[in-house]
Amino acid sequence: MTAEGEGLVSRAGLVVLDHMAEATGLTVGLRTVFGSWSRRRLDPGDGYAQVVIGLADGASCLSDVTGLSRSGLFAEAASNTTRWDWFNRISSAELAGIRQARARARAVAWAHGAGPTSSTLIVDIDATIITGSDGKQDSAGTWKGTWGHHPLVAVVAESGEVLGGIVRPGNAGSNTAADHVEHRSRSCRTPRPRDPQSARALGRSGTVSPTGHRATPRS
């Protein structure tokens, strides 16, 4: 093994994620979401896809994504300033479009065997504390005496796949009924596991969860 030579790049395994985003249509979906935005060198949809890949690599800020871009992984990459402009411009319409693009990409992946095999889609929903500084947007004191955020996360019980999450302030309750119902409704907008005639979705929470919810998943 040698680290000498030209054209070498670390984290080459992330290329697989980039190809997966292309193969499932996620990148094309993101380009459509931001199709009306003006572009410079890089399409905003491609830029957001790069941010997702950066998160998978452990990026905790936009500078980490920019650093990853400089490694040669991406042919083109946006600057931190451009990425900040994109995030500041995003609205509820774009967020809804991103959810739809993710759902379509997940449907493609599940159709090729990446999804759960059971006829009942079991989704576990739980709140988790993420600590951070008081300068972060919506950060607040948590019930554990720390500071940060308290999001709800939905995970497929069979595979561990994360379906989505709701970012909430640190002082948000673990058992806020409205948040659980909203998140379960979003999580059920997923591909049907196998048999469209018998497929169901079952949302599970801790024993102190305030509500139960069962629904038919939608593509």
N, C-alpha and C. Protein backbone atom coordinates (compact mmCIF):
# COMPACT_ATOMS: atom_id res chain seq x y z
N MET A 1 0.85 -1.19 0.00
CA MET A 1 0.00 0.00 0.00
C MET A 1 0.88 1.24 0.00
N THR A 2 0.50 2.21 -0.80
CA THR A 2 1.28 3.43 -0.88
C THR A 2 0.36 4.64 -0.97
N ALA A 3 0.82 5.75 -0.43
CA ALA A 3 0.07 7.00 -0.51
C ALA A 3 0.71 7.94 -1.51
N GLU A 4 1.65 7.41 -2.27
CA GLU A 4 2.33 8.24 -3.25
C GLU A 4 1.59 8.18 -4.58
N GLY A 5 1.85 9.16 -5.41
CA GLY A 5 1.23 9.16 -6.73
C GLY A 5 0.29 10.33 -6.91
N GLU A 6 -0.30 10.40 -8.09
CA GLU A 6 -1.21 11.49 -8.42
C GLU A 6 -2.63 10.96 -8.59
N GLY A 7 -3.60 11.84 -8.41
CA GLY A 7 -4.99 11.46 -8.60
C GLY A 7 -5.56 10.63 -7.48
N LEU A 8 -4.90 10.62 -6.32
CA LEU A 8 -5.41 9.86 -5.18
C LEU A 8 -6.44 10.69 -4.43
N VAL A 9 -7.42 10.03 -3.86
CA VAL A 9 -8.45 10.71 -3.11
C VAL A 9 -8.85 9.86 -1.90
N SER A 10 -8.98 10.50 -0.76
CA SER A 10 -9.45 9.78 0.41
C SER A 10 -10.97 9.68 0.37
N ARG A 11 -11.52 8.80 1.19
CA ARG A 11 -12.98 8.63 1.27
C ARG A 11 -13.59 8.26 -0.09
N ALA A 12 -12.88 7.46 -0.85
CA ALA A 12 -13.38 7.10 -2.18
C ALA A 12 -14.69 6.34 -2.09
N GLY A 13 -14.98 5.71 -0.94
CA GLY A 13 -16.23 4.98 -0.78
C GLY A 13 -17.45 5.86 -0.89
N LEU A 14 -17.27 7.16 -0.66
CA LEU A 14 -18.41 8.08 -0.77
C LEU A 14 -18.89 8.21 -2.21
N VAL A 15 -18.03 7.83 -3.15
CA VAL A 15 -18.45 7.86 -4.56
C VAL A 15 -19.66 6.94 -4.76
N VAL A 16 -19.72 5.85 -3.99
CA VAL A 16 -20.85 4.92 -4.09
C VAL A 16 -22.15 5.63 -3.74
N LEU A 17 -22.11 6.48 -2.71
CA LEU A 17 -23.31 7.24 -2.33
C LEU A 17 -23.70 8.21 -3.44
N ASP A 18 -22.71 8.83 -4.05
CA ASP A 18 -22.98 9.75 -5.15
C ASP A 18 -23.65 9.01 -6.31
N HIS A 19 -23.14 7.83 -6.63
CA HIS A 19 -23.74 7.03 -7.70
C HIS A 19 -25.13 6.53 -7.32
N MET A 20 -25.33 6.20 -6.04
CA MET A 20 -26.64 5.75 -5.58
C MET A 20 -27.68 6.86 -5.70
N ALA A 21 -27.28 8.08 -5.37
CA ALA A 21 -28.20 9.21 -5.51
C ALA A 21 -28.60 9.41 -6.97
N GLU A 22 -27.66 9.20 -7.88
CA GLU A 22 -27.97 9.31 -9.30
C GLU A 22 -28.87 8.16 -9.75
N ALA A 23 -28.55 6.94 -9.32
CA ALA A 23 -29.27 5.75 -9.79
C ALA A 23 -30.72 5.74 -9.32
N THR A 24 -30.98 6.25 -8.12
CA THR A 24 -32.34 6.24 -7.58
C THR A 24 -33.15 7.46 -8.01
N GLY A 25 -32.51 8.39 -8.69
CA GLY A 25 -33.22 9.59 -9.14
C GLY A 25 -33.25 10.71 -8.12
N LEU A 26 -32.53 10.55 -7.00
CA LEU A 26 -32.57 11.59 -5.97
C LEU A 26 -31.95 12.89 -6.48
N THR A 27 -30.82 12.79 -7.15
CA THR A 27 -30.15 13.99 -7.64
C THR A 27 -31.02 14.73 -8.65
N VAL A 28 -31.63 13.97 -9.56
CA VAL A 28 -32.53 14.59 -10.55
C VAL A 28 -33.72 15.23 -9.85
N GLY A 29 -34.25 14.56 -8.82
CA GLY A 29 -35.37 15.12 -8.07
C GLY A 29 -35.01 16.42 -7.40
N LEU A 30 -33.80 16.51 -6.84
CA LEU A 30 -33.37 17.74 -6.18
C LEU A 30 -33.15 18.85 -7.22
N ARG A 31 -32.65 18.48 -8.38
CA ARG A 31 -32.50 19.49 -9.44
C ARG A 31 -33.85 20.08 -9.82
N THR A 32 -34.87 19.23 -9.84
CA THR A 32 -36.22 19.70 -10.18
C THR A 32 -36.76 20.64 -9.11
N VAL A 33 -36.51 20.30 -7.85
CA VAL A 33 -36.99 21.13 -6.74
C VAL A 33 -36.44 22.54 -6.85
N PHE A 34 -35.17 22.65 -7.22
CA PHE A 34 -34.52 23.97 -7.27
C PHE A 34 -34.35 24.46 -8.70
N GLY A 35 -35.20 23.94 -9.61
CA GLY A 35 -35.07 24.29 -11.02
C GLY A 35 -35.28 25.75 -11.34
N SER A 36 -36.07 26.44 -10.52
CA SER A 36 -36.36 27.86 -10.79
C SER A 36 -35.29 28.79 -10.23
N TRP A 37 -34.37 28.26 -9.44
CA TRP A 37 -33.32 29.09 -8.86
C TRP A 37 -32.25 29.39 -9.91
N SER A 38 -31.67 30.55 -9.81
CA SER A 38 -30.55 30.88 -10.69
C SER A 38 -29.34 30.05 -10.28
N ARG A 39 -28.54 29.69 -11.23
CA ARG A 39 -27.36 28.88 -10.95
C ARG A 39 -26.11 29.59 -11.45
N ARG A 40 -25.02 29.28 -10.77
CA ARG A 40 -23.73 29.83 -11.19
C ARG A 40 -22.97 28.69 -11.88
N ARG A 41 -21.98 28.15 -11.22
CA ARG A 41 -21.28 27.01 -11.81
C ARG A 41 -22.00 25.71 -11.53
N LEU A 42 -22.61 25.61 -10.35
CA LEU A 42 -23.16 24.34 -9.88
C LEU A 42 -24.67 24.44 -9.71
N ASP A 43 -25.39 23.42 -10.16
CA ASP A 43 -26.83 23.37 -9.95
C ASP A 43 -27.11 23.23 -8.45
N PRO A 44 -28.04 24.03 -7.89
CA PRO A 44 -28.33 23.92 -6.46
C PRO A 44 -28.73 22.51 -6.04
N GLY A 45 -29.42 21.78 -6.91
CA GLY A 45 -29.79 20.41 -6.57
C GLY A 45 -28.58 19.53 -6.35
N ASP A 46 -27.56 19.68 -7.20
CA ASP A 46 -26.31 18.94 -7.03
C ASP A 46 -25.62 19.37 -5.74
N GLY A 47 -25.70 20.67 -5.46
CA GLY A 47 -25.07 21.18 -4.24
C GLY A 47 -25.68 20.59 -2.98
N TYR A 48 -27.01 20.48 -2.96
CA TYR A 48 -27.67 19.88 -1.79
C TYR A 48 -27.34 18.39 -1.69
N ALA A 49 -27.22 17.71 -2.82
CA ALA A 49 -26.83 16.30 -2.80
C ALA A 49 -25.44 16.15 -2.20
N GLN A 50 -24.55 17.08 -2.49
CA GLN A 50 -23.21 17.04 -1.91
C GLN A 50 -23.25 17.24 -0.40
N VAL A 51 -24.16 18.10 0.06
CA VAL A 51 -24.30 18.30 1.51
C VAL A 51 -24.73 17.00 2.19
N VAL A 52 -25.66 16.27 1.56
CA VAL A 52 -26.12 14.99 2.11
C VAL A 52 -24.97 14.01 2.21
N ILE A 53 -24.15 13.93 1.16
CA ILE A 53 -23.00 13.03 1.17
C ILE A 53 -22.02 13.46 2.26
N GLY A 54 -21.87 14.77 2.42
CA GLY A 54 -21.00 15.26 3.49
C GLY A 54 -21.49 14.86 4.87
N LEU A 55 -22.81 14.91 5.08
CA LEU A 55 -23.38 14.49 6.35
C LEU A 55 -23.09 13.01 6.61
N ALA A 56 -23.19 12.20 5.55
CA ALA A 56 -22.89 10.77 5.69
C ALA A 56 -21.44 10.54 6.08
N ASP A 57 -20.58 11.47 5.70
CA ASP A 57 -19.16 11.37 6.03
C ASP A 57 -18.85 11.93 7.42
N GLY A 58 -19.87 12.52 8.07
CA GLY A 58 -19.66 13.05 9.40
C GLY A 58 -19.50 14.55 9.47
N ALA A 59 -19.80 15.25 8.39
CA ALA A 59 -19.69 16.71 8.40
C ALA A 59 -20.64 17.31 9.42
N SER A 60 -20.16 18.29 10.15
CA SER A 60 -21.00 18.96 11.15
C SER A 60 -21.23 20.42 10.83
N CYS A 61 -20.64 20.91 9.74
CA CYS A 61 -20.86 22.28 9.31
C CYS A 61 -20.55 22.37 7.82
N LEU A 62 -20.93 23.48 7.19
CA LEU A 62 -20.74 23.62 5.75
C LEU A 62 -19.26 23.64 5.37
N SER A 63 -18.41 24.11 6.27
CA SER A 63 -16.98 24.11 5.97
C SER A 63 -16.45 22.70 5.78
N ASP A 64 -17.02 21.75 6.52
CA ASP A 64 -16.60 20.35 6.35
C ASP A 64 -16.96 19.84 4.96
N VAL A 65 -18.14 20.25 4.46
CA VAL A 65 -18.55 19.84 3.11
C VAL A 65 -17.62 20.45 2.07
N THR A 66 -17.25 21.71 2.28
CA THR A 66 -16.33 22.38 1.35
C THR A 66 -14.98 21.69 1.36
N GLY A 67 -14.52 21.31 2.54
CA GLY A 67 -13.25 20.59 2.63
C GLY A 67 -13.30 19.27 1.90
N LEU A 68 -14.45 18.59 2.01
CA LEU A 68 -14.63 17.31 1.30
C LEU A 68 -14.59 17.54 -0.21
N SER A 69 -15.15 18.65 -0.66
CA SER A 69 -15.15 18.96 -2.08
C SER A 69 -13.73 19.17 -2.59
N ARG A 70 -12.90 19.77 -1.77
CA ARG A 70 -11.53 20.05 -2.19
C ARG A 70 -10.68 18.79 -2.31
N SER A 71 -11.18 17.69 -1.76
CA SER A 71 -10.42 16.44 -1.83
C SER A 71 -10.45 15.83 -3.23
N GLY A 72 -11.27 16.38 -4.11
CA GLY A 72 -11.36 15.86 -5.46
C GLY A 72 -12.51 14.91 -5.68
N LEU A 73 -13.37 14.76 -4.65
CA LEU A 73 -14.49 13.83 -4.76
C LEU A 73 -15.53 14.31 -5.78
N PHE A 74 -15.75 15.63 -5.82
CA PHE A 74 -16.74 16.20 -6.73
C PHE A 74 -16.04 16.98 -7.84
N ALA A 75 -16.59 16.89 -9.04
CA ALA A 75 -16.00 17.62 -10.16
C ALA A 75 -16.13 19.12 -9.96
N GLU A 76 -17.29 19.55 -9.43
CA GLU A 76 -17.53 20.96 -9.15
C GLU A 76 -18.14 21.08 -7.77
N ALA A 77 -17.87 22.17 -7.09
CA ALA A 77 -18.42 22.36 -5.75
C ALA A 77 -18.66 23.85 -5.52
N ALA A 78 -19.66 24.14 -4.71
CA ALA A 78 -19.99 25.53 -4.39
C ALA A 78 -19.16 26.00 -3.20
N SER A 79 -19.04 27.30 -3.08
CA SER A 79 -18.34 27.89 -1.94
C SER A 79 -19.24 27.91 -0.72
N ASN A 80 -18.66 28.15 0.44
CA ASN A 80 -19.46 28.27 1.67
C ASN A 80 -20.49 29.39 1.54
N THR A 81 -20.08 30.51 0.93
CA THR A 81 -20.99 31.64 0.78
C THR A 81 -22.21 31.26 -0.06
N THR A 82 -21.97 30.54 -1.15
CA THR A 82 -23.08 30.11 -2.01
C THR A 82 -24.00 29.15 -1.27
N ARG A 83 -23.42 28.22 -0.53
CA ARG A 83 -24.24 27.26 0.22
C ARG A 83 -25.09 27.98 1.26
N TRP A 84 -24.52 28.97 1.93
CA TRP A 84 -25.30 29.73 2.90
C TRP A 84 -26.46 30.45 2.21
N ASP A 85 -26.21 31.01 1.04
CA ASP A 85 -27.28 31.67 0.29
C ASP A 85 -28.41 30.68 -0.01
N TRP A 86 -28.05 29.47 -0.41
CA TRP A 86 -29.06 28.45 -0.70
C TRP A 86 -29.91 28.14 0.53
N PHE A 87 -29.24 27.93 1.66
CA PHE A 87 -29.98 27.58 2.87
C PHE A 87 -30.86 28.74 3.34
N ASN A 88 -30.41 29.96 3.17
CA ASN A 88 -31.21 31.11 3.59
C ASN A 88 -32.43 31.31 2.69
N ARG A 89 -32.37 30.83 1.45
CA ARG A 89 -33.47 31.02 0.50
C ARG A 89 -34.52 29.92 0.60
N ILE A 90 -34.19 28.80 1.17
CA ILE A 90 -35.09 27.65 1.14
C ILE A 90 -36.37 27.97 1.91
N SER A 91 -37.50 27.51 1.38
CA SER A 91 -38.80 27.78 1.98
C SER A 91 -39.56 26.47 2.19
N SER A 92 -40.80 26.59 2.68
CA SER A 92 -41.60 25.39 2.92
C SER A 92 -41.88 24.64 1.60
N ALA A 93 -41.96 25.37 0.50
CA ALA A 93 -42.21 24.73 -0.80
C ALA A 93 -41.04 23.82 -1.18
N GLU A 94 -39.82 24.32 -1.02
CA GLU A 94 -38.65 23.49 -1.33
C GLU A 94 -38.54 22.31 -0.37
N LEU A 95 -38.86 22.53 0.91
CA LEU A 95 -38.80 21.43 1.87
C LEU A 95 -39.77 20.32 1.50
N ALA A 96 -40.98 20.70 1.07
CA ALA A 96 -41.96 19.70 0.63
C ALA A 96 -41.44 18.97 -0.60
N GLY A 97 -40.81 19.70 -1.52
CA GLY A 97 -40.25 19.07 -2.71
C GLY A 97 -39.13 18.09 -2.39
N ILE A 98 -38.31 18.44 -1.40
CA ILE A 98 -37.23 17.54 -0.98
C ILE A 98 -37.81 16.25 -0.41
N ARG A 99 -38.87 16.37 0.39
CA ARG A 99 -39.49 15.16 0.95
C ARG A 99 -40.04 14.27 -0.17
N GLN A 100 -40.64 14.88 -1.17
CA GLN A 100 -41.17 14.11 -2.29
C GLN A 100 -40.05 13.44 -3.08
N ALA A 101 -38.96 14.17 -3.29
CA ALA A 101 -37.82 13.59 -4.02
C ALA A 101 -37.23 12.42 -3.25
N ARG A 102 -37.14 12.55 -1.95
CA ARG A 102 -36.62 11.46 -1.12
C ARG A 102 -37.55 10.25 -1.17
N ALA A 103 -38.86 10.51 -1.14
CA ALA A 103 -39.83 9.41 -1.17
C ALA A 103 -39.74 8.65 -2.50
N ARG A 104 -39.59 9.37 -3.60
CA ARG A 104 -39.48 8.70 -4.89
C ARG A 104 -38.19 7.90 -4.99
N ALA A 105 -37.10 8.45 -4.49
CA ALA A 105 -35.83 7.74 -4.51
C ALA A 105 -35.90 6.49 -3.63
N ARG A 106 -36.55 6.62 -2.48
CA ARG A 106 -36.69 5.45 -1.60
C ARG A 106 -37.53 4.37 -2.29
N ALA A 107 -38.57 4.77 -3.02
CA ALA A 107 -39.40 3.80 -3.73
C ALA A 107 -38.58 3.00 -4.73
N VAL A 108 -37.68 3.68 -5.43
CA VAL A 108 -36.80 2.99 -6.39
C VAL A 108 -35.88 2.01 -5.66
N ALA A 109 -35.28 2.47 -4.57
CA ALA A 109 -34.36 1.61 -3.82
C ALA A 109 -35.08 0.40 -3.24
N TRP A 110 -36.27 0.63 -2.69
CA TRP A 110 -37.03 -0.48 -2.10
C TRP A 110 -37.49 -1.46 -3.17
N ALA A 111 -37.82 -0.96 -4.35
CA ALA A 111 -38.26 -1.83 -5.43
C ALA A 111 -37.15 -2.76 -5.90
N HIS A 112 -35.90 -2.38 -5.63
CA HIS A 112 -34.75 -3.20 -6.00
C HIS A 112 -34.20 -4.00 -4.82
N GLY A 113 -35.02 -4.15 -3.79
CA GLY A 113 -34.65 -5.04 -2.69
C GLY A 113 -34.04 -4.41 -1.47
N ALA A 114 -33.97 -3.08 -1.42
CA ALA A 114 -33.36 -2.42 -0.26
C ALA A 114 -34.34 -2.17 0.88
N GLY A 115 -35.62 -2.42 0.65
CA GLY A 115 -36.62 -2.13 1.66
C GLY A 115 -36.93 -3.31 2.55
N PRO A 116 -37.80 -3.12 3.54
CA PRO A 116 -38.21 -4.20 4.44
C PRO A 116 -39.02 -5.24 3.69
N THR A 117 -38.97 -6.47 4.18
CA THR A 117 -39.66 -7.58 3.51
C THR A 117 -41.01 -7.90 4.13
N SER A 118 -41.27 -7.44 5.35
CA SER A 118 -42.51 -7.74 6.03
C SER A 118 -43.67 -6.97 5.40
N SER A 119 -44.87 -7.54 5.48
CA SER A 119 -46.05 -6.85 4.95
C SER A 119 -46.47 -5.69 5.84
N THR A 120 -45.98 -5.66 7.05
CA THR A 120 -46.27 -4.55 7.96
C THR A 120 -45.01 -3.71 8.15
N LEU A 121 -45.08 -2.46 7.78
CA LEU A 121 -43.96 -1.54 7.97
C LEU A 121 -44.01 -1.00 9.39
N ILE A 122 -43.07 -1.40 10.21
CA ILE A 122 -43.02 -0.95 11.61
C ILE A 122 -42.03 0.19 11.71
N VAL A 123 -42.53 1.34 12.17
CA VAL A 123 -41.71 2.54 12.28
C VAL A 123 -41.59 2.93 13.75
N ASP A 124 -40.38 2.96 14.24
CA ASP A 124 -40.10 3.39 15.61
C ASP A 124 -39.81 4.89 15.63
N ILE A 125 -40.52 5.61 16.49
CA ILE A 125 -40.33 7.05 16.60
C ILE A 125 -39.86 7.38 18.02
N ASP A 126 -38.77 8.10 18.10
CA ASP A 126 -38.22 8.41 19.40
C ASP A 126 -37.58 9.79 19.37
N ALA A 127 -37.55 10.43 20.52
CA ALA A 127 -36.90 11.73 20.65
C ALA A 127 -35.47 11.52 21.15
N THR A 128 -34.57 12.33 20.67
CA THR A 128 -33.18 12.21 21.09
C THR A 128 -32.58 13.60 21.26
N ILE A 129 -31.75 13.77 22.24
CA ILE A 129 -31.14 15.07 22.52
C ILE A 129 -29.83 15.20 21.77
N ILE A 130 -29.66 16.32 21.08
CA ILE A 130 -28.40 16.64 20.40
C ILE A 130 -27.88 17.92 21.02
N THR A 131 -26.76 17.85 21.67
CA THR A 131 -26.21 19.02 22.36
C THR A 131 -25.53 19.95 21.37
N GLY A 132 -25.50 21.22 21.71
CA GLY A 132 -24.86 22.22 20.86
C GLY A 132 -24.74 23.53 21.61
N SER A 133 -24.18 24.54 20.95
CA SER A 133 -23.98 25.84 21.59
C SER A 133 -25.27 26.64 21.56
N ASP A 134 -25.32 27.67 22.39
CA ASP A 134 -26.53 28.48 22.47
C ASP A 134 -26.67 29.41 21.27
N GLY A 135 -25.69 29.43 20.38
CA GLY A 135 -25.78 30.26 19.20
C GLY A 135 -26.51 29.61 18.05
N LYS A 136 -26.82 28.32 18.18
CA LYS A 136 -27.50 27.61 17.11
C LYS A 136 -28.98 28.00 17.06
N GLN A 137 -29.53 28.07 15.87
CA GLN A 137 -30.94 28.41 15.70
C GLN A 137 -31.83 27.38 16.40
N ASP A 138 -32.79 27.87 17.18
CA ASP A 138 -33.78 27.04 17.89
C ASP A 138 -33.17 26.19 19.00
N SER A 139 -31.92 26.41 19.35
CA SER A 139 -31.36 25.66 20.47
C SER A 139 -31.94 26.19 21.78
N ALA A 140 -32.07 25.31 22.75
CA ALA A 140 -32.65 25.69 24.04
C ALA A 140 -32.20 24.68 25.10
N GLY A 141 -32.49 25.00 26.34
CA GLY A 141 -32.15 24.10 27.42
C GLY A 141 -32.98 22.83 27.38
N THR A 142 -32.38 21.70 27.67
CA THR A 142 -33.07 20.41 27.63
C THR A 142 -33.41 19.95 29.05
N TRP A 143 -34.26 18.93 29.12
CA TRP A 143 -34.67 18.43 30.44
C TRP A 143 -33.51 17.73 31.16
N LYS A 144 -32.43 17.44 30.45
CA LYS A 144 -31.27 16.83 31.08
C LYS A 144 -30.26 17.86 31.58
N GLY A 145 -30.61 19.12 31.44
CA GLY A 145 -29.71 20.16 31.90
C GLY A 145 -28.65 20.55 30.89
N THR A 146 -28.75 20.04 29.66
CA THR A 146 -27.81 20.41 28.61
C THR A 146 -28.45 21.46 27.71
N TRP A 147 -27.76 21.81 26.63
CA TRP A 147 -28.26 22.81 25.69
C TRP A 147 -28.19 22.26 24.28
N GLY A 148 -29.25 22.47 23.50
CA GLY A 148 -29.20 22.00 22.13
C GLY A 148 -30.58 21.81 21.55
N HIS A 149 -30.79 20.67 20.87
CA HIS A 149 -32.05 20.38 20.19
C HIS A 149 -32.61 19.04 20.65
N HIS A 150 -33.90 18.84 20.39
CA HIS A 150 -34.57 17.61 20.84
C HIS A 150 -35.46 17.08 19.70
N PRO A 151 -34.84 16.58 18.61
CA PRO A 151 -35.63 16.16 17.45
C PRO A 151 -36.34 14.83 17.67
N LEU A 152 -37.37 14.60 16.85
CA LEU A 152 -38.02 13.30 16.76
C LEU A 152 -37.49 12.60 15.51
N VAL A 153 -37.14 11.32 15.63
CA VAL A 153 -36.57 10.57 14.51
C VAL A 153 -37.41 9.32 14.27
N ALA A 154 -37.70 9.03 13.01
CA ALA A 154 -38.46 7.83 12.62
C ALA A 154 -37.53 6.85 11.94
N VAL A 155 -37.52 5.60 12.43
CA VAL A 155 -36.60 4.57 11.94
C VAL A 155 -37.39 3.31 11.60
N VAL A 156 -37.07 2.67 10.47
CA VAL A 156 -37.68 1.39 10.12
C VAL A 156 -37.12 0.32 11.06
N ALA A 157 -38.00 -0.34 11.80
CA ALA A 157 -37.56 -1.30 12.81
C ALA A 157 -36.78 -2.46 12.19
N GLU A 158 -37.19 -2.91 11.02
CA GLU A 158 -36.58 -4.09 10.40
C GLU A 158 -35.17 -3.84 9.91
N SER A 159 -34.93 -2.65 9.35
CA SER A 159 -33.65 -2.40 8.69
C SER A 159 -32.80 -1.33 9.36
N GLY A 160 -33.42 -0.51 10.22
CA GLY A 160 -32.68 0.60 10.82
C GLY A 160 -32.59 1.82 9.92
N GLU A 161 -33.28 1.79 8.79
CA GLU A 161 -33.26 2.93 7.87
C GLU A 161 -34.00 4.11 8.49
N VAL A 162 -33.39 5.28 8.45
CA VAL A 162 -34.01 6.49 8.98
C VAL A 162 -34.93 7.08 7.91
N LEU A 163 -36.21 7.19 8.24
CA LEU A 163 -37.18 7.74 7.29
C LEU A 163 -37.22 9.26 7.33
N GLY A 164 -36.88 9.84 8.45
CA GLY A 164 -36.91 11.29 8.54
C GLY A 164 -36.88 11.74 9.99
N GLY A 165 -36.93 13.03 10.16
CA GLY A 165 -36.90 13.59 11.51
C GLY A 165 -37.51 14.98 11.53
N ILE A 166 -37.88 15.41 12.70
CA ILE A 166 -38.38 16.77 12.91
C ILE A 166 -37.42 17.47 13.86
N VAL A 167 -36.81 18.55 13.39
CA VAL A 167 -35.91 19.32 14.25
C VAL A 167 -36.73 20.18 15.19
N ARG A 168 -36.47 20.04 16.51
CA ARG A 168 -37.24 20.79 17.50
C ARG A 168 -36.28 21.43 18.51
N PRO A 169 -36.73 22.49 19.18
CA PRO A 169 -35.88 23.11 20.22
C PRO A 169 -35.57 22.12 21.34
N GLY A 170 -34.53 22.40 22.07
CA GLY A 170 -34.12 21.50 23.15
C GLY A 170 -35.16 21.35 24.24
N ASN A 171 -36.03 22.35 24.41
CA ASN A 171 -37.04 22.28 25.46
C ASN A 171 -38.35 21.66 24.98
N ALA A 172 -38.38 21.11 23.74
CA ALA A 172 -39.58 20.43 23.26
C ALA A 172 -39.80 19.15 24.05
N GLY A 173 -41.06 18.82 24.28
CA GLY A 173 -41.37 17.64 25.07
C GLY A 173 -41.16 16.34 24.31
N SER A 174 -40.81 15.28 25.04
CA SER A 174 -40.64 13.98 24.41
C SER A 174 -41.96 13.40 23.94
N ASN A 175 -43.05 13.78 24.60
CA ASN A 175 -44.35 13.16 24.35
C ASN A 175 -45.38 14.14 23.82
N THR A 176 -44.93 15.17 23.10
CA THR A 176 -45.86 16.14 22.53
C THR A 176 -46.69 15.47 21.45
N ALA A 177 -47.98 15.32 21.70
CA ALA A 177 -48.86 14.54 20.82
C ALA A 177 -48.86 15.07 19.40
N ALA A 178 -48.95 16.40 19.22
CA ALA A 178 -49.01 16.98 17.88
C ALA A 178 -47.77 16.64 17.07
N ASP A 179 -46.60 16.66 17.69
CA ASP A 179 -45.35 16.33 16.99
C ASP A 179 -45.33 14.87 16.56
N HIS A 180 -45.79 13.98 17.46
CA HIS A 180 -45.81 12.55 17.13
C HIS A 180 -46.77 12.26 15.97
N VAL A 181 -47.94 12.85 16.00
CA VAL A 181 -48.93 12.60 14.95
C VAL A 181 -48.41 13.13 13.61
N GLU A 182 -47.85 14.35 13.63
CA GLU A 182 -47.32 14.93 12.40
C GLU A 182 -46.21 14.06 11.82
N HIS A 183 -45.30 13.60 12.69
CA HIS A 183 -44.17 12.83 12.21
C HIS A 183 -44.61 11.46 11.69
N ARG A 184 -45.57 10.85 12.37
CA ARG A 184 -46.05 9.55 11.92
C ARG A 184 -46.78 9.67 10.59
N SER A 185 -47.48 10.77 10.41
CA SER A 185 -48.16 10.99 9.14
C SER A 185 -47.16 11.12 8.00
N ARG A 186 -46.06 11.84 8.24
CA ARG A 186 -45.01 11.98 7.23
C ARG A 186 -44.33 10.64 6.97
N SER A 187 -44.05 9.90 8.02
CA SER A 187 -43.31 8.65 7.88
C SER A 187 -44.10 7.59 7.13
N CYS A 188 -45.42 7.69 7.17
CA CYS A 188 -46.25 6.72 6.47
C CYS A 188 -46.33 7.00 4.98
N ARG A 189 -45.80 8.15 4.54
CA ARG A 189 -45.77 8.43 3.11
C ARG A 189 -44.53 7.76 2.50
N THR A 190 -44.49 6.45 2.57
CA THR A 190 -43.36 5.66 2.11
C THR A 190 -43.83 4.61 1.14
N PRO A 191 -42.93 3.97 0.40
CA PRO A 191 -43.34 2.88 -0.47
C PRO A 191 -43.94 1.74 0.34
N ARG A 192 -44.84 0.99 -0.26
CA ARG A 192 -45.39 -0.19 0.40
C ARG A 192 -44.31 -1.26 0.48
N PRO A 193 -44.19 -1.97 1.60
CA PRO A 193 -43.12 -2.95 1.76
C PRO A 193 -43.07 -4.00 0.65
N ARG A 194 -44.12 -4.77 0.47
CA ARG A 194 -44.11 -5.81 -0.56
C ARG A 194 -45.46 -5.93 -1.24
N ASP A 195 -46.47 -6.33 -0.50
CA ASP A 195 -47.80 -6.61 -1.06
C ASP A 195 -48.69 -5.38 -0.91
N PRO A 196 -49.02 -4.68 -2.00
CA PRO A 196 -49.83 -3.46 -1.90
C PRO A 196 -51.21 -3.70 -1.30
N GLN A 197 -51.72 -4.94 -1.39
CA GLN A 197 -53.06 -5.22 -0.90
C GLN A 197 -53.10 -5.37 0.62
N SER A 198 -52.02 -5.85 1.20
CA SER A 198 -52.05 -6.13 2.64
C SER A 198 -51.08 -5.27 3.44
N ALA A 199 -50.31 -4.43 2.77
CA ALA A 199 -49.29 -3.65 3.47
C ALA A 199 -49.92 -2.67 4.44
N ARG A 200 -49.36 -2.60 5.63
CA ARG A 200 -49.79 -1.64 6.64
C ARG A 200 -48.56 -0.99 7.26
N ALA A 201 -48.78 0.12 7.92
CA ALA A 201 -47.71 0.78 8.66
C ALA A 201 -48.12 0.89 10.12
N LEU A 202 -47.21 0.56 11.00
CA LEU A 202 -47.47 0.63 12.44
C LEU A 202 -46.41 1.50 13.08
N GLY A 203 -46.84 2.60 13.71
CA GLY A 203 -45.92 3.47 14.40
C GLY A 203 -45.78 3.08 15.86
N ARG A 204 -44.53 2.96 16.34
CA ARG A 204 -44.29 2.59 17.73
C ARG A 204 -43.50 3.68 18.44
N SER A 205 -43.82 3.87 19.71
CA SER A 205 -43.10 4.83 20.54
C SER A 205 -42.85 4.19 21.89
N GLY A 206 -42.24 4.95 22.79
CA GLY A 206 -42.03 4.46 24.15
C GLY A 206 -43.35 4.27 24.86
N THR A 207 -43.31 3.61 25.99
CA THR A 207 -44.54 3.29 26.72
C THR A 207 -45.26 4.53 27.21
N VAL A 208 -44.55 5.66 27.27
CA VAL A 208 -45.20 6.89 27.74
C VAL A 208 -45.66 7.77 26.59
N SER A 209 -45.57 7.26 25.35
CA SER A 209 -46.03 8.04 24.20
C SER A 209 -47.51 8.37 24.36
N PRO A 210 -47.92 9.58 24.00
CA PRO A 210 -49.30 10.01 24.24
C PRO A 210 -50.32 9.52 23.24
N THR A 211 -49.89 8.91 22.15
CA THR A 211 -50.87 8.57 21.11
C THR A 211 -50.44 7.34 20.35
N GLY A 212 -51.43 6.60 19.83
CA GLY A 212 -51.16 5.49 18.94
C GLY A 212 -51.67 5.83 17.56
N HIS A 213 -51.02 5.28 16.53
CA HIS A 213 -51.41 5.66 15.17
C HIS A 213 -51.10 4.52 14.23
N ARG A 214 -52.07 4.13 13.43
CA ARG A 214 -51.87 3.09 12.42
C ARG A 214 -52.41 3.61 11.10
N ALA A 215 -51.66 3.39 10.04
CA ALA A 215 -52.09 3.93 8.75
C ALA A 215 -51.56 3.06 7.64
N THR A 216 -52.14 3.24 6.45
CA THR A 216 -51.67 2.55 5.25
C THR A 216 -50.60 3.40 4.58
N PRO A 217 -49.40 2.83 4.31
CA PRO A 217 -48.35 3.62 3.69
C PRO A 217 -48.72 4.04 2.28
N ARG A 218 -48.27 5.22 1.88
CA ARG A 218 -48.56 5.73 0.55
C ARG A 218 -47.27 5.98 -0.19
N SER A 219 -47.31 5.75 -1.48
CA SER A 219 -46.10 5.99 -2.29
C SER A 219 -46.00 7.45 -2.63
